[in-house]
């Protein structure tokens, strides 16, 4: 699924972006990139005390 398709799907849902009227593909890309980076770093910090 492309960022454009995800943005379009979010637009059809009740979910509204924090600002603006609709979701933009670049916003979706940034959110997913930040989530992936956070998940990786969070997992590394709490890696079970290895």
Protein backbone atom coordinates (compact mmCIF):
# COMPACT_ATOMS: atom_id res chain seq x y z
CA UNK A 1 0.00 0.00 0.00
CA UNK A 2 1.42 3.38 -0.95
CA UNK A 3 1.54 6.48 1.23
CA UNK A 4 -1.03 8.07 -1.08
CA UNK A 5 -3.39 5.11 -0.60
CA UNK A 6 -2.95 5.23 3.19
CA UNK A 7 -3.66 8.97 3.20
CA UNK A 8 -6.80 8.41 1.11
CA UNK A 9 -7.96 5.66 3.48
CA UNK A 10 -7.42 7.94 6.48
CA UNK A 11 -9.41 10.67 4.75
CA UNK A 12 -12.40 8.33 4.39
CA UNK A 13 -12.27 7.43 8.09
CA UNK A 14 -13.39 9.62 10.95
CA UNK A 15 -9.73 10.25 11.87
CA UNK A 16 -8.76 13.82 11.20
CA UNK A 17 -5.21 15.14 11.09
CA UNK A 18 -4.07 17.40 13.90
CA UNK A 19 -4.00 20.32 11.47
CA UNK A 20 -5.66 20.74 8.12
CA UNK A 21 -8.59 19.13 6.40
CA UNK A 22 -7.02 16.00 4.96
CA UNK A 23 -4.08 13.63 5.25
CA UNK A 24 -1.10 14.14 2.97
CA UNK A 25 1.10 11.28 1.77
CA UNK A 26 4.25 13.01 3.08
CA UNK A 27 2.69 13.28 6.55
CA UNK A 28 1.94 9.56 6.51
CA UNK A 29 5.51 8.81 5.41
CA UNK A 30 6.98 10.91 8.22
CA UNK A 31 4.72 9.36 10.84
CA UNK A 32 5.65 5.84 9.78
CA UNK A 33 9.36 6.68 9.61
CA UNK A 34 9.28 8.19 13.11
CA UNK A 35 7.34 5.22 14.48
CA UNK A 36 9.86 2.77 13.04
CA UNK A 37 12.78 4.73 14.50
CA UNK A 38 11.10 5.00 17.91
CA UNK A 39 10.24 1.28 17.96
CA UNK A 40 13.82 0.34 17.12
CA UNK A 41 15.39 2.60 19.74
CA UNK A 42 12.82 1.68 22.38
CA UNK A 43 13.40 -2.02 21.75
CA UNK A 44 17.15 -1.53 22.02
CA UNK A 45 16.84 0.24 25.38
CA UNK A 46 14.54 -2.36 26.86
CA UNK A 47 16.20 -5.38 25.28
CA UNK A 48 15.88 -7.56 28.36
CA UNK A 49 19.08 -6.54 30.12
CA UNK A 50 21.45 -8.37 27.83
